[in-house]
Every structure is written in structure tokens, then in C-alpha cells.
Amino acid sequence: MNEEMLSLEKNRTWKLVPFPKNKRVVGSKWVFKKKEGISGVEAPRYKARLVAKGFTQVEGIDYNKIFSPVVKHCSIRVLMAIVNMYDLELEQMGFLEDNSKVCSLKKSSYGLKQSPRQWYQRFDDFLLKIGLVRSNYDNCVYMMKRNEKVILYLLLYVDDIRIACSNKQEIQKLKMKLNGEEDTLYEYLERPE
């Protein structure tokens, strides 16, 4: 729980404000998960995540648009074929949350219906800002180009990323940009969950 609270505070996810008299407040709860380790190799890990009770939200009052795209399955297969054909490097990244006051969210929180859409929009803006180009055929496929030639592919599926490139240094540069984003937009894991 401490790790989750530190992460939420570090990312300035909320600010404490007086309880609003004329507004609905979406509550929150802790969700606990035990991830079994590998016997004799890795100890079990325990995770805690603070999530909003999105099931209490009312459409039109608490949220409007919630659609968030994911990469198409055919795009994943095409990328795997390209990786195989050109012997590219392929890496995966994963996304690393007083009764008189309430937390006013400054950023989306797990559990809210609009969170996936807002996260996608923010991630998309960031990728475009750092020079990647979004595919015209799949909103979750991005390419980095040099001299009109694609040198790196990035696929986004919810909060999982696949990056393919012939040059491992290019992948590391991209990871550094992602990790260097001021609000810790994305933290990569060497071993996905």
C-alpha cells in the first residue's frame, strides 16, 4: 500500500479539497493481489492498488466518451512477421495508485470509466510529440521514420507495449524518453506481468 500511495503522491494524482455539498463523489477502495513466484527462485509478490468505484458513475453526469482503441490482432501478426523477416529486436513494456475532505482527481484513476480513453489520448499525444507517426490503418500502431524508412514499430494494447527495431539502442532511447516524461507517463518493466 505504501508503494501505491508513494506513486500516487509522486504523480500528483489528486489534491485534498473540502467535501462538495452539491456534487457527487466517487468513492475508492483498495484492491489486493498476490502474484505467485517461481518455487525456489522467486518469492511471491503482493500488490495493492487504490481504485475508484467507477461502477457508481452515471453516464452523462460523471462521464461521456469512454471508447479507447486497442491494436488490431492482424497488426500484431503483421508486426511478428516483420520481426521474423528482418530479424528485429522485440521488447515488451508494461504499465507500472479526514472525513471532512475528499481527493479531487487531477489525473484519471484506475476504476473510472473514462480512464482508459484519457490515458490513450495522453499517451498518443506524447508519442506524436516525440516524433512517432500513427498508422492510418490502426490507431494503436506507431512508427519512427528516418529518411522515409521505418526504423521502429510500436504497438499499444491497453497498457502493454511491443517495440520492434533492428537497433537495440533505438529501443533504449525510446524507453528513456518514455521514462523521462515529467509525470512518469509510463514506467517500463524488463519482465512484463
N, C-alpha and C. Protein backbone atom coordinates (compact mmCIF):
# COMPACT_ATOMS: atom_id res chain seq x y z
N MET A 1 0.83 -1.19 0.00
CA MET A 1 0.00 0.00 0.00
C MET A 1 0.87 1.26 0.00
N ASN A 2 1.98 1.18 0.75
CA ASN A 2 2.87 2.34 0.80
C ASN A 2 3.42 2.67 -0.59
N GLU A 3 3.80 1.63 -1.33
CA GLU A 3 4.34 1.83 -2.68
C GLU A 3 3.31 2.51 -3.58
N GLU A 4 2.06 2.08 -3.51
CA GLU A 4 0.99 2.67 -4.31
C GLU A 4 0.75 4.12 -3.91
N MET A 5 0.70 4.39 -2.61
CA MET A 5 0.49 5.76 -2.14
C MET A 5 1.64 6.67 -2.57
N LEU A 6 2.87 6.19 -2.47
CA LEU A 6 4.02 6.99 -2.90
C LEU A 6 3.93 7.31 -4.39
N SER A 7 3.52 6.32 -5.19
CA SER A 7 3.37 6.53 -6.63
C SER A 7 2.28 7.57 -6.92
N LEU A 8 1.15 7.47 -6.25
CA LEU A 8 0.06 8.42 -6.45
C LEU A 8 0.48 9.83 -6.04
N GLU A 9 1.21 9.93 -4.94
CA GLU A 9 1.68 11.25 -4.48
C GLU A 9 2.73 11.80 -5.44
N LYS A 10 3.67 10.96 -5.86
CA LYS A 10 4.73 11.38 -6.78
C LYS A 10 4.13 11.93 -8.07
N ASN A 11 3.07 11.29 -8.55
CA ASN A 11 2.43 11.71 -9.79
C ASN A 11 1.39 12.81 -9.60
N ARG A 12 1.27 13.29 -8.38
CA ARG A 12 0.31 14.37 -8.07
C ARG A 12 -1.07 14.03 -8.65
N THR A 13 -1.56 12.85 -8.30
CA THR A 13 -2.81 12.34 -8.84
C THR A 13 -4.02 13.09 -8.31
N TRP A 14 -3.94 13.62 -7.10
CA TRP A 14 -5.08 14.33 -6.52
C TRP A 14 -4.62 15.46 -5.62
N LYS A 15 -5.60 16.28 -5.21
CA LYS A 15 -5.37 17.28 -4.17
C LYS A 15 -6.55 17.21 -3.21
N LEU A 16 -6.31 17.46 -1.94
CA LEU A 16 -7.39 17.45 -0.96
C LEU A 16 -8.18 18.74 -1.05
N VAL A 17 -9.49 18.62 -1.10
CA VAL A 17 -10.38 19.78 -1.18
C VAL A 17 -11.54 19.56 -0.21
N PRO A 18 -12.23 20.64 0.18
CA PRO A 18 -13.40 20.46 1.05
C PRO A 18 -14.45 19.59 0.36
N PHE A 19 -15.18 18.82 1.15
CA PHE A 19 -16.23 17.95 0.62
C PHE A 19 -17.28 18.81 -0.07
N PRO A 20 -17.55 18.59 -1.37
CA PRO A 20 -18.52 19.43 -2.08
C PRO A 20 -19.95 19.08 -1.69
N LYS A 21 -20.74 20.08 -1.42
CA LYS A 21 -22.12 19.86 -0.97
C LYS A 21 -23.06 19.51 -2.12
N ASN A 22 -22.79 20.04 -3.29
CA ASN A 22 -23.74 19.87 -4.40
C ASN A 22 -23.20 18.98 -5.52
N LYS A 23 -22.19 18.16 -5.23
CA LYS A 23 -21.62 17.29 -6.27
C LYS A 23 -21.57 15.85 -5.79
N ARG A 24 -21.59 14.96 -6.78
CA ARG A 24 -21.45 13.53 -6.47
C ARG A 24 -19.97 13.22 -6.25
N VAL A 25 -19.70 12.36 -5.31
CA VAL A 25 -18.32 11.94 -5.04
C VAL A 25 -18.22 10.45 -5.35
N VAL A 26 -17.23 10.10 -6.17
CA VAL A 26 -16.98 8.70 -6.48
C VAL A 26 -16.00 8.17 -5.44
N GLY A 27 -16.41 7.14 -4.74
CA GLY A 27 -15.56 6.57 -3.69
C GLY A 27 -14.41 5.76 -4.26
N SER A 28 -13.61 5.23 -3.37
CA SER A 28 -12.48 4.40 -3.79
C SER A 28 -12.35 3.21 -2.86
N LYS A 29 -11.56 2.25 -3.28
CA LYS A 29 -11.31 1.08 -2.43
C LYS A 29 -9.94 0.50 -2.79
N TRP A 30 -9.40 -0.28 -1.89
CA TRP A 30 -8.13 -0.96 -2.13
C TRP A 30 -8.39 -2.32 -2.74
N VAL A 31 -7.61 -2.67 -3.76
CA VAL A 31 -7.67 -3.99 -4.37
C VAL A 31 -6.30 -4.63 -4.14
N PHE A 32 -6.31 -5.83 -3.57
CA PHE A 32 -5.07 -6.52 -3.23
C PHE A 32 -4.90 -7.73 -4.14
N LYS A 33 -3.65 -8.00 -4.51
CA LYS A 33 -3.36 -9.11 -5.41
C LYS A 33 -2.06 -9.78 -4.98
N LYS A 34 -2.08 -11.09 -4.99
CA LYS A 34 -0.87 -11.86 -4.71
C LYS A 34 -0.42 -12.51 -6.00
N LYS A 35 0.81 -12.24 -6.39
CA LYS A 35 1.37 -12.85 -7.59
C LYS A 35 2.34 -13.92 -7.15
N GLU A 36 1.99 -15.16 -7.46
CA GLU A 36 2.83 -16.29 -7.06
C GLU A 36 4.19 -16.21 -7.73
N GLY A 37 5.23 -16.46 -6.98
CA GLY A 37 6.58 -16.51 -7.53
C GLY A 37 6.88 -17.90 -8.06
N ILE A 38 8.07 -18.06 -8.57
CA ILE A 38 8.53 -19.36 -9.07
C ILE A 38 9.16 -20.09 -7.90
N SER A 39 8.68 -21.27 -7.62
CA SER A 39 9.13 -22.04 -6.46
C SER A 39 10.65 -22.16 -6.42
N GLY A 40 11.23 -21.72 -5.31
CA GLY A 40 12.67 -21.80 -5.11
C GLY A 40 13.48 -20.75 -5.83
N VAL A 41 12.84 -19.94 -6.67
CA VAL A 41 13.55 -18.94 -7.46
C VAL A 41 13.11 -17.53 -7.11
N GLU A 42 11.80 -17.36 -6.99
CA GLU A 42 11.24 -16.03 -6.81
C GLU A 42 10.16 -16.09 -5.75
N ALA A 43 10.21 -15.17 -4.80
CA ALA A 43 9.21 -15.12 -3.74
C ALA A 43 7.91 -14.53 -4.28
N PRO A 44 6.78 -14.86 -3.66
CA PRO A 44 5.51 -14.25 -4.07
C PRO A 44 5.57 -12.73 -3.88
N ARG A 45 4.84 -12.01 -4.72
CA ARG A 45 4.78 -10.55 -4.60
C ARG A 45 3.35 -10.16 -4.25
N TYR A 46 3.24 -9.14 -3.45
CA TYR A 46 1.94 -8.64 -3.05
C TYR A 46 1.80 -7.22 -3.58
N LYS A 47 0.66 -6.95 -4.21
CA LYS A 47 0.41 -5.63 -4.77
C LYS A 47 -0.88 -5.07 -4.20
N ALA A 48 -0.88 -3.77 -4.04
CA ALA A 48 -2.10 -3.07 -3.62
C ALA A 48 -2.33 -1.93 -4.60
N ARG A 49 -3.57 -1.75 -5.02
CA ARG A 49 -3.89 -0.66 -5.93
C ARG A 49 -5.14 0.04 -5.40
N LEU A 50 -5.07 1.36 -5.34
CA LEU A 50 -6.22 2.16 -4.94
C LEU A 50 -7.02 2.47 -6.20
N VAL A 51 -8.26 2.02 -6.25
CA VAL A 51 -9.09 2.20 -7.45
C VAL A 51 -10.36 2.97 -7.12
N ALA A 52 -10.81 3.72 -8.10
CA ALA A 52 -12.08 4.44 -7.96
C ALA A 52 -13.23 3.46 -8.18
N LYS A 53 -14.33 3.70 -7.50
CA LYS A 53 -15.53 2.85 -7.67
C LYS A 53 -16.32 3.35 -8.88
N GLY A 54 -15.76 3.05 -10.06
CA GLY A 54 -16.36 3.52 -11.30
C GLY A 54 -17.77 3.02 -11.54
N PHE A 55 -18.13 1.91 -10.91
CA PHE A 55 -19.48 1.36 -11.07
C PHE A 55 -20.55 2.29 -10.50
N THR A 56 -20.15 3.29 -9.71
CA THR A 56 -21.13 4.25 -9.16
C THR A 56 -21.32 5.45 -10.08
N GLN A 57 -20.51 5.55 -11.14
CA GLN A 57 -20.62 6.68 -12.04
C GLN A 57 -21.90 6.61 -12.87
N VAL A 58 -22.42 7.79 -13.22
CA VAL A 58 -23.63 7.89 -14.02
C VAL A 58 -23.28 8.53 -15.36
N GLU A 59 -23.63 7.83 -16.46
CA GLU A 59 -23.34 8.36 -17.79
C GLU A 59 -24.02 9.71 -17.99
N GLY A 60 -23.30 10.64 -18.59
CA GLY A 60 -23.84 11.97 -18.85
C GLY A 60 -23.62 12.93 -17.69
N ILE A 61 -23.38 12.40 -16.50
CA ILE A 61 -23.12 13.25 -15.33
C ILE A 61 -21.64 13.15 -14.96
N ASP A 62 -21.16 11.94 -14.78
CA ASP A 62 -19.78 11.73 -14.37
C ASP A 62 -18.83 11.49 -15.54
N TYR A 63 -19.35 11.08 -16.68
CA TYR A 63 -18.51 10.81 -17.84
C TYR A 63 -19.35 10.86 -19.10
N ASN A 64 -18.68 11.03 -20.25
CA ASN A 64 -19.34 11.00 -21.55
C ASN A 64 -18.70 9.93 -22.43
N LYS A 65 -17.63 10.29 -23.11
CA LYS A 65 -16.97 9.34 -24.02
C LYS A 65 -16.03 8.42 -23.24
N ILE A 66 -16.10 7.12 -23.56
CA ILE A 66 -15.21 6.18 -22.86
C ILE A 66 -14.45 5.26 -23.81
N PHE A 67 -14.73 5.31 -25.12
CA PHE A 67 -14.07 4.39 -26.05
C PHE A 67 -12.57 4.65 -26.09
N SER A 68 -11.80 3.60 -26.03
CA SER A 68 -10.34 3.68 -26.16
C SER A 68 -9.90 2.57 -27.11
N PRO A 69 -9.16 2.91 -28.17
CA PRO A 69 -8.77 1.88 -29.14
C PRO A 69 -7.70 0.94 -28.60
N VAL A 70 -7.63 -0.24 -29.17
CA VAL A 70 -6.54 -1.20 -28.92
C VAL A 70 -6.02 -1.65 -30.28
N VAL A 71 -4.80 -2.14 -30.30
CA VAL A 71 -4.21 -2.59 -31.55
C VAL A 71 -5.02 -3.77 -32.11
N LYS A 72 -5.16 -3.80 -33.42
CA LYS A 72 -5.89 -4.90 -34.07
C LYS A 72 -5.02 -6.16 -34.07
N HIS A 73 -5.68 -7.31 -33.97
CA HIS A 73 -4.94 -8.57 -33.95
C HIS A 73 -4.13 -8.78 -35.22
N CYS A 74 -4.67 -8.35 -36.36
CA CYS A 74 -3.91 -8.52 -37.61
C CYS A 74 -2.65 -7.65 -37.59
N SER A 75 -2.68 -6.50 -36.92
CA SER A 75 -1.48 -5.66 -36.81
C SER A 75 -0.40 -6.36 -35.99
N ILE A 76 -0.82 -7.07 -34.95
CA ILE A 76 0.15 -7.82 -34.13
C ILE A 76 0.80 -8.91 -34.98
N ARG A 77 -0.02 -9.63 -35.76
CA ARG A 77 0.52 -10.69 -36.61
C ARG A 77 1.47 -10.14 -37.67
N VAL A 78 1.10 -9.00 -38.26
CA VAL A 78 1.96 -8.39 -39.27
C VAL A 78 3.29 -7.98 -38.64
N LEU A 79 3.24 -7.39 -37.45
CA LEU A 79 4.49 -7.00 -36.78
C LEU A 79 5.36 -8.22 -36.50
N MET A 80 4.75 -9.30 -36.03
CA MET A 80 5.53 -10.52 -35.76
C MET A 80 6.19 -11.04 -37.03
N ALA A 81 5.49 -10.95 -38.16
CA ALA A 81 6.06 -11.38 -39.44
C ALA A 81 7.24 -10.48 -39.84
N ILE A 82 7.09 -9.17 -39.64
CA ILE A 82 8.17 -8.23 -39.95
C ILE A 82 9.38 -8.49 -39.06
N VAL A 83 9.12 -8.72 -37.76
CA VAL A 83 10.20 -9.03 -36.82
C VAL A 83 10.95 -10.27 -37.28
N ASN A 84 10.21 -11.30 -37.68
CA ASN A 84 10.83 -12.54 -38.14
C ASN A 84 11.59 -12.35 -39.45
N MET A 85 10.98 -11.65 -40.38
CA MET A 85 11.57 -11.48 -41.71
C MET A 85 12.89 -10.69 -41.65
N TYR A 86 12.92 -9.64 -40.83
CA TYR A 86 14.10 -8.77 -40.77
C TYR A 86 14.95 -8.99 -39.52
N ASP A 87 14.64 -10.04 -38.76
CA ASP A 87 15.40 -10.38 -37.55
C ASP A 87 15.53 -9.16 -36.62
N LEU A 88 14.39 -8.53 -36.32
CA LEU A 88 14.38 -7.34 -35.47
C LEU A 88 14.39 -7.71 -34.00
N GLU A 89 14.84 -6.78 -33.17
CA GLU A 89 14.72 -6.91 -31.72
C GLU A 89 13.26 -6.63 -31.37
N LEU A 90 12.72 -7.36 -30.40
CA LEU A 90 11.34 -7.15 -29.96
C LEU A 90 11.33 -7.09 -28.44
N GLU A 91 10.77 -6.01 -27.90
CA GLU A 91 10.69 -5.87 -26.45
C GLU A 91 9.27 -5.53 -26.06
N GLN A 92 8.93 -5.91 -24.85
CA GLN A 92 7.61 -5.63 -24.31
C GLN A 92 7.77 -4.74 -23.09
N MET A 93 6.84 -3.83 -22.94
CA MET A 93 6.82 -2.95 -21.78
C MET A 93 5.45 -3.06 -21.15
N GLY A 94 5.37 -2.76 -19.84
CA GLY A 94 4.10 -2.79 -19.14
C GLY A 94 3.95 -1.58 -18.23
N PHE A 95 2.77 -1.23 -17.94
CA PHE A 95 2.47 -0.06 -17.13
C PHE A 95 2.61 -0.35 -15.63
N LEU A 96 3.56 0.36 -15.08
CA LEU A 96 3.83 0.22 -13.63
C LEU A 96 2.92 1.04 -12.75
N GLU A 97 -1.23 3.92 -7.42
CA GLU A 97 -2.49 4.39 -7.35
C GLU A 97 -2.81 4.69 -5.83
N ASP A 98 -9.12 12.39 6.55
CA ASP A 98 -10.04 13.15 7.45
C ASP A 98 -11.43 13.16 6.79
N ASN A 99 -12.38 12.72 7.15
CA ASN A 99 -13.71 12.55 6.56
C ASN A 99 -14.32 13.85 6.06
N SER A 100 -13.75 15.01 6.45
CA SER A 100 -14.32 16.29 6.01
C SER A 100 -13.71 16.72 4.68
N LYS A 101 -12.77 15.97 4.17
CA LYS A 101 -12.10 16.31 2.92
C LYS A 101 -12.20 15.13 1.96
N VAL A 102 -12.12 15.43 0.66
CA VAL A 102 -12.09 14.39 -0.36
C VAL A 102 -10.92 14.68 -1.29
N CYS A 103 -10.53 13.70 -2.07
CA CYS A 103 -9.46 13.87 -3.04
C CYS A 103 -10.06 14.29 -4.37
N SER A 104 -9.69 15.45 -4.85
CA SER A 104 -10.11 15.91 -6.16
C SER A 104 -9.06 15.44 -7.16
N LEU A 105 -9.46 14.53 -8.06
CA LEU A 105 -8.51 13.95 -9.00
C LEU A 105 -8.01 15.00 -9.98
N LYS A 106 -6.70 15.05 -10.15
CA LYS A 106 -6.09 15.90 -11.16
C LYS A 106 -5.77 15.06 -12.39
N LYS A 107 -5.76 13.74 -12.21
CA LYS A 107 -5.48 12.80 -13.30
C LYS A 107 -6.45 11.64 -13.16
N SER A 108 -6.63 10.89 -14.23
CA SER A 108 -7.51 9.73 -14.17
C SER A 108 -6.99 8.70 -13.19
N SER A 109 -7.90 7.93 -12.64
CA SER A 109 -7.55 6.90 -11.68
C SER A 109 -8.09 5.57 -12.18
N TYR A 110 -7.42 4.47 -11.78
CA TYR A 110 -7.93 3.14 -12.10
C TYR A 110 -9.36 3.03 -11.60
N GLY A 111 -10.21 2.43 -12.41
CA GLY A 111 -11.58 2.18 -11.99
C GLY A 111 -12.59 3.13 -12.59
N LEU A 112 -12.18 4.32 -13.01
CA LEU A 112 -13.12 5.25 -13.64
C LEU A 112 -13.38 4.81 -15.08
N LYS A 113 -14.60 4.99 -15.53
CA LYS A 113 -14.96 4.54 -16.87
C LYS A 113 -14.18 5.29 -17.96
N GLN A 114 -13.85 6.54 -17.72
CA GLN A 114 -13.17 7.34 -18.73
C GLN A 114 -11.64 7.22 -18.68
N SER A 115 -11.10 6.51 -17.69
CA SER A 115 -9.64 6.43 -17.53
C SER A 115 -8.91 5.86 -18.74
N PRO A 116 -9.35 4.73 -19.31
CA PRO A 116 -8.60 4.19 -20.47
C PRO A 116 -8.54 5.17 -21.64
N ARG A 117 -9.64 5.86 -21.92
CA ARG A 117 -9.67 6.83 -23.02
C ARG A 117 -8.72 7.99 -22.75
N GLN A 118 -8.77 8.52 -21.53
CA GLN A 118 -7.90 9.65 -21.19
C GLN A 118 -6.44 9.24 -21.23
N TRP A 119 -6.15 8.02 -20.75
CA TRP A 119 -4.77 7.55 -20.79
C TRP A 119 -4.29 7.39 -22.22
N TYR A 120 -5.12 6.80 -23.10
CA TYR A 120 -4.75 6.63 -24.50
C TYR A 120 -4.48 7.99 -25.15
N GLN A 121 -5.36 8.95 -24.92
CA GLN A 121 -5.20 10.26 -25.55
C GLN A 121 -3.90 10.92 -25.10
N ARG A 122 -3.59 10.80 -23.84
CA ARG A 122 -2.36 11.39 -23.31
C ARG A 122 -1.13 10.69 -23.89
N PHE A 123 -1.17 9.35 -23.96
CA PHE A 123 -0.06 8.58 -24.49
C PHE A 123 0.13 8.88 -25.98
N ASP A 124 -0.97 8.94 -26.72
CA ASP A 124 -0.93 9.25 -28.15
C ASP A 124 -0.30 10.63 -28.37
N ASP A 125 -0.75 11.63 -27.61
CA ASP A 125 -0.17 12.98 -27.72
C ASP A 125 1.33 12.96 -27.49
N PHE A 126 1.76 12.21 -26.48
CA PHE A 126 3.18 12.14 -26.15
C PHE A 126 3.98 11.49 -27.27
N LEU A 127 3.49 10.36 -27.81
CA LEU A 127 4.21 9.68 -28.89
C LEU A 127 4.33 10.57 -30.12
N LEU A 128 3.26 11.29 -30.46
CA LEU A 128 3.31 12.19 -31.61
C LEU A 128 4.27 13.34 -31.34
N LYS A 129 4.29 13.83 -30.10
CA LYS A 129 5.17 14.95 -29.73
C LYS A 129 6.65 14.56 -29.87
N ILE A 130 6.99 13.31 -29.58
CA ILE A 130 8.40 12.90 -29.67
C ILE A 130 8.77 12.38 -31.05
N GLY A 131 7.85 12.50 -32.01
CA GLY A 131 8.20 12.23 -33.40
C GLY A 131 7.73 10.93 -34.00
N LEU A 132 6.98 10.12 -33.26
CA LEU A 132 6.44 8.91 -33.87
C LEU A 132 5.25 9.27 -34.74
N VAL A 133 4.95 8.44 -35.71
CA VAL A 133 3.84 8.67 -36.63
C VAL A 133 2.81 7.57 -36.41
N ARG A 134 1.54 7.96 -36.27
CA ARG A 134 0.47 6.98 -36.08
C ARG A 134 0.07 6.41 -37.44
N SER A 135 -0.19 5.13 -37.49
CA SER A 135 -0.63 4.46 -38.71
C SER A 135 -2.00 4.98 -39.13
N ASN A 136 -2.21 5.06 -40.44
CA ASN A 136 -3.53 5.44 -40.95
C ASN A 136 -4.53 4.29 -40.84
N TYR A 137 -4.04 3.07 -40.62
CA TYR A 137 -4.89 1.89 -40.63
C TYR A 137 -5.21 1.34 -39.24
N ASP A 138 -4.40 1.72 -38.25
CA ASP A 138 -4.60 1.21 -36.89
C ASP A 138 -4.12 2.29 -35.92
N ASN A 139 -5.03 2.82 -35.12
CA ASN A 139 -4.71 3.92 -34.20
C ASN A 139 -3.73 3.53 -33.10
N CYS A 140 -3.42 2.25 -32.97
CA CYS A 140 -2.51 1.80 -31.91
C CYS A 140 -1.19 1.27 -32.47
N VAL A 141 -0.90 1.61 -33.72
CA VAL A 141 0.38 1.27 -34.33
C VAL A 141 1.10 2.59 -34.64
N TYR A 142 2.33 2.69 -34.15
CA TYR A 142 3.14 3.90 -34.35
C TYR A 142 4.47 3.50 -34.99
N MET A 143 5.03 4.42 -35.77
CA MET A 143 6.30 4.15 -36.43
C MET A 143 7.23 5.34 -36.24
N MET A 144 8.51 5.03 -36.13
CA MET A 144 9.54 6.07 -36.15
C MET A 144 10.22 5.94 -37.50
N LYS A 145 10.32 7.06 -38.21
CA LYS A 145 10.90 7.02 -39.55
C LYS A 145 12.17 7.86 -39.62
N ARG A 146 13.09 7.40 -40.45
CA ARG A 146 14.30 8.16 -40.79
C ARG A 146 14.50 8.04 -42.29
N ASN A 147 14.67 9.17 -42.95
CA ASN A 147 14.86 9.17 -44.41
C ASN A 147 13.76 8.37 -45.11
N GLU A 148 12.52 8.60 -44.70
CA GLU A 148 11.35 7.94 -45.28
C GLU A 148 11.30 6.43 -45.06
N LYS A 149 12.18 5.90 -44.22
CA LYS A 149 12.21 4.47 -43.95
C LYS A 149 11.82 4.24 -42.49
N VAL A 150 10.95 3.25 -42.26
CA VAL A 150 10.54 2.92 -40.89
C VAL A 150 11.70 2.23 -40.19
N ILE A 151 12.09 2.77 -39.01
CA ILE A 151 13.19 2.13 -38.27
C ILE A 151 12.72 1.52 -36.96
N LEU A 152 11.49 1.86 -36.54
CA LEU A 152 10.99 1.33 -35.27
C LEU A 152 9.47 1.25 -35.33
N TYR A 153 8.92 0.17 -34.78
CA TYR A 153 7.47 -0.02 -34.69
C TYR A 153 7.09 -0.08 -33.21
N LEU A 154 5.96 0.53 -32.87
CA LEU A 154 5.42 0.46 -31.51
C LEU A 154 3.94 0.10 -31.61
N LEU A 155 3.53 -0.96 -30.90
CA LEU A 155 2.12 -1.36 -30.84
C LEU A 155 1.62 -1.16 -29.43
N LEU A 156 0.42 -0.64 -29.30
CA LEU A 156 -0.18 -0.37 -27.99
C LEU A 156 -1.45 -1.19 -27.84
N TYR A 157 -1.50 -2.00 -26.78
CA TYR A 157 -2.70 -2.77 -26.47
C TYR A 157 -3.05 -2.47 -25.01
N VAL A 158 -4.03 -1.63 -24.80
CA VAL A 158 -4.44 -1.13 -23.49
C VAL A 158 -3.21 -0.49 -22.84
N ASP A 159 -2.58 -1.16 -21.87
CA ASP A 159 -1.39 -0.55 -21.27
C ASP A 159 -0.15 -1.44 -21.45
N ASP A 160 -0.16 -2.25 -22.50
CA ASP A 160 1.01 -3.05 -22.85
C ASP A 160 1.55 -2.55 -24.18
N ILE A 161 2.86 -2.57 -24.29
CA ILE A 161 3.53 -2.05 -25.49
C ILE A 161 4.47 -3.10 -26.04
N ARG A 162 4.52 -3.20 -27.37
CA ARG A 162 5.52 -4.00 -28.05
C ARG A 162 6.32 -3.03 -28.91
N ILE A 163 7.64 -3.13 -28.84
CA ILE A 163 8.51 -2.28 -29.65
C ILE A 163 9.42 -3.19 -30.45
N ALA A 164 9.49 -2.94 -31.76
CA ALA A 164 10.37 -3.73 -32.63
C ALA A 164 11.29 -2.78 -33.39
N CYS A 165 12.56 -3.15 -33.44
CA CYS A 165 13.55 -2.32 -34.11
C CYS A 165 14.80 -3.15 -34.34
N SER A 166 15.55 -2.86 -35.40
CA SER A 166 16.79 -3.60 -35.65
C SER A 166 17.91 -3.13 -34.73
N ASN A 167 17.76 -1.95 -34.16
CA ASN A 167 18.80 -1.35 -33.34
C ASN A 167 18.34 -1.26 -31.89
N LYS A 168 18.94 -2.06 -31.03
CA LYS A 168 18.55 -2.09 -29.61
C LYS A 168 18.73 -0.71 -28.95
N GLN A 169 19.71 0.08 -29.41
CA GLN A 169 19.93 1.41 -28.84
C GLN A 169 18.73 2.33 -29.10
N GLU A 170 18.09 2.17 -30.26
CA GLU A 170 16.90 2.98 -30.55
C GLU A 170 15.77 2.65 -29.58
N ILE A 171 15.64 1.36 -29.26
CA ILE A 171 14.62 0.95 -28.28
C ILE A 171 14.93 1.57 -26.93
N GLN A 172 16.19 1.53 -26.52
CA GLN A 172 16.58 2.10 -25.22
C GLN A 172 16.35 3.61 -25.20
N LYS A 173 16.64 4.30 -26.32
CA LYS A 173 16.40 5.75 -26.39
C LYS A 173 14.92 6.05 -26.20
N LEU A 174 14.07 5.25 -26.87
CA LEU A 174 12.63 5.46 -26.74
C LEU A 174 12.18 5.21 -25.30
N LYS A 175 12.69 4.15 -24.68
CA LYS A 175 12.34 3.86 -23.29
C LYS A 175 12.77 5.01 -22.37
N MET A 176 13.93 5.59 -22.64
CA MET A 176 14.39 6.72 -21.83
C MET A 176 13.46 7.91 -21.98
N LYS A 177 12.99 8.15 -23.20
CA LYS A 177 12.04 9.24 -23.41
C LYS A 177 10.73 8.97 -22.66
N LEU A 178 10.26 7.73 -22.74
CA LEU A 178 9.02 7.37 -22.04
C LEU A 178 9.20 7.52 -20.54
N ASN A 179 10.31 7.05 -20.01
CA ASN A 179 10.56 7.14 -18.57
C ASN A 179 10.88 8.56 -18.14
N GLY A 180 11.39 9.37 -19.06
CA GLY A 180 11.76 10.74 -18.72
C GLY A 180 10.60 11.71 -18.74
N GLU A 181 9.45 11.26 -19.21
CA GLU A 181 8.27 12.13 -19.24
C GLU A 181 8.01 12.63 -17.83
N GLU A 182 7.81 13.92 -17.67
CA GLU A 182 7.72 14.57 -16.36
C GLU A 182 6.77 13.89 -15.40
N ASP A 183 5.63 13.48 -15.87
CA ASP A 183 4.62 12.90 -14.98
C ASP A 183 4.71 11.38 -14.91
N THR A 184 5.85 10.83 -15.24
CA THR A 184 6.05 9.38 -15.26
C THR A 184 4.91 8.73 -16.04
N LEU A 185 4.82 9.12 -17.30
CA LEU A 185 3.74 8.64 -18.17
C LEU A 185 3.75 7.12 -18.27
N TYR A 186 4.90 6.56 -18.33
CA TYR A 186 4.98 5.11 -18.50
C TYR A 186 6.28 4.62 -17.88
N GLU A 187 6.21 3.62 -17.05
CA GLU A 187 7.42 3.02 -16.49
C GLU A 187 7.54 1.63 -17.08
N TYR A 188 8.68 1.34 -17.69
CA TYR A 188 8.79 0.03 -18.33
C TYR A 188 9.30 -1.01 -17.35
N LEU A 189 8.92 -2.21 -17.61
CA LEU A 189 9.36 -3.36 -16.83
C LEU A 189 10.11 -4.28 -17.77
N GLU A 190 11.28 -4.75 -17.35
CA GLU A 190 12.04 -5.67 -18.20
C GLU A 190 11.29 -6.99 -18.35
N ARG A 191 10.57 -7.41 -17.31
CA ARG A 191 9.80 -8.65 -17.36
C ARG A 191 8.34 -8.28 -17.15
N PRO A 192 7.50 -8.34 -18.19
CA PRO A 192 6.11 -7.94 -18.05
C PRO A 192 5.36 -8.84 -17.08
N GLU A 193 4.30 -8.26 -16.48
CA GLU A 193 3.50 -9.02 -15.51
C GLU A 193 2.55 -9.95 -16.22
